[in-house]
């Protein structure tokens, strides 16, 4: 179960690890922490959506055909 990596444009853009909706938040955080060598307490899972090749971090869908995802990001 490897997540898909999304990066914001720019030199200092944030990095997101995106998993399918069916993946539990705890499992997504655990895998990302292990893979990236980061403490689990420094990560959080949020709801995200993918639509037309773009990633949206929000609770509500940006469009009817958007696909719900579990997104792991760093706290802060």
Protein backbone atom coordinates (compact mmCIF):
# COMPACT_ATOMS: atom_id res chain seq x y z
CA UNK A 1 0.00 0.00 0.00
CA UNK A 2 2.10 2.88 -1.26
CA UNK A 3 0.65 6.36 -1.32
CA UNK A 4 0.91 8.72 -4.23
CA UNK A 5 3.15 11.74 -3.60
CA UNK A 6 1.89 15.22 -4.56
CA UNK A 7 4.09 18.31 -4.30
CA UNK A 8 3.08 21.95 -4.47
CA UNK A 9 4.94 23.96 -7.09
CA UNK A 10 7.97 25.95 -6.07
CA UNK A 11 11.20 25.21 -4.26
CA UNK A 12 9.60 25.14 -0.81
CA UNK A 13 6.27 23.56 -1.79
CA UNK A 14 4.50 21.29 0.68
CA UNK A 15 4.50 17.55 0.09
CA UNK A 16 1.35 15.48 0.48
CA UNK A 17 1.03 11.69 0.50
CA UNK A 18 -2.34 10.66 -0.94
CA UNK A 19 -4.05 7.32 -0.27
CA UNK A 20 -7.37 5.90 -1.49
CA UNK A 21 -10.39 6.62 0.72
CA UNK A 22 -10.62 3.03 1.95
CA UNK A 23 -7.24 3.28 3.75
CA UNK A 24 -7.62 3.97 7.47
CA UNK A 25 -6.04 7.21 8.70
CA UNK A 26 -3.90 5.39 11.29
CA UNK A 27 -2.49 3.03 8.65
CA UNK A 28 -1.73 5.90 6.27
CA UNK A 29 0.12 7.85 8.99
CA UNK A 30 2.06 4.75 10.08
CA UNK A 31 3.19 3.92 6.54
CA UNK A 32 4.17 7.51 5.73
CA UNK A 33 6.14 7.84 8.98
CA UNK A 34 8.01 4.62 8.28
CA UNK A 35 8.74 5.48 4.66
CA UNK A 36 9.81 9.10 5.24
CA UNK A 37 11.53 8.53 8.64
CA UNK A 38 9.27 11.02 10.45
CA UNK A 39 7.67 10.64 13.88
CA UNK A 40 3.99 9.66 13.71
CA UNK A 41 3.14 12.48 16.12
CA UNK A 42 4.35 15.03 13.52
CA UNK A 43 1.83 13.84 10.89
CA UNK A 44 -1.91 14.21 10.52
CA UNK A 45 -4.46 12.76 8.12
CA UNK A 46 -7.05 15.00 6.48
CA UNK A 47 -9.77 14.60 3.86
CA UNK A 48 -8.80 15.52 0.34
CA UNK A 49 -10.26 15.30 -3.15
CA UNK A 50 -8.75 14.75 -6.58
CA UNK A 51 -10.43 16.26 -9.60
CA UNK A 52 -9.00 16.76 -13.09
CA UNK A 53 -5.44 16.11 -11.96
CA UNK A 54 -5.57 18.55 -9.05
CA UNK A 55 -5.56 17.90 -5.31
CA UNK A 56 -7.99 19.80 -3.08
CA UNK A 57 -7.70 19.77 0.72
CA UNK A 58 -11.23 20.44 1.96
CA UNK A 59 -14.16 18.67 3.61
CA UNK A 60 -16.64 19.21 0.77
CA UNK A 61 -16.16 17.99 -2.78
CA UNK A 62 -15.14 20.70 -5.27
CA UNK A 63 -17.21 18.96 -7.97
CA UNK A 64 -19.64 16.07 -8.26
CA UNK A 65 -17.10 13.79 -9.96
CA UNK A 66 -14.26 14.45 -7.49
CA UNK A 67 -12.76 11.36 -5.83
CA UNK A 68 -12.38 11.33 -2.04
CA UNK A 69 -8.87 10.57 -0.70
CA UNK A 70 -7.01 10.32 2.61
CA UNK A 71 -4.16 12.85 2.66
CA UNK A 72 -1.23 12.78 5.09
CA UNK A 73 0.52 16.08 5.83
CA UNK A 74 2.91 17.44 8.45
CA UNK A 75 1.34 19.30 11.36
CA UNK A 76 1.90 23.01 11.46
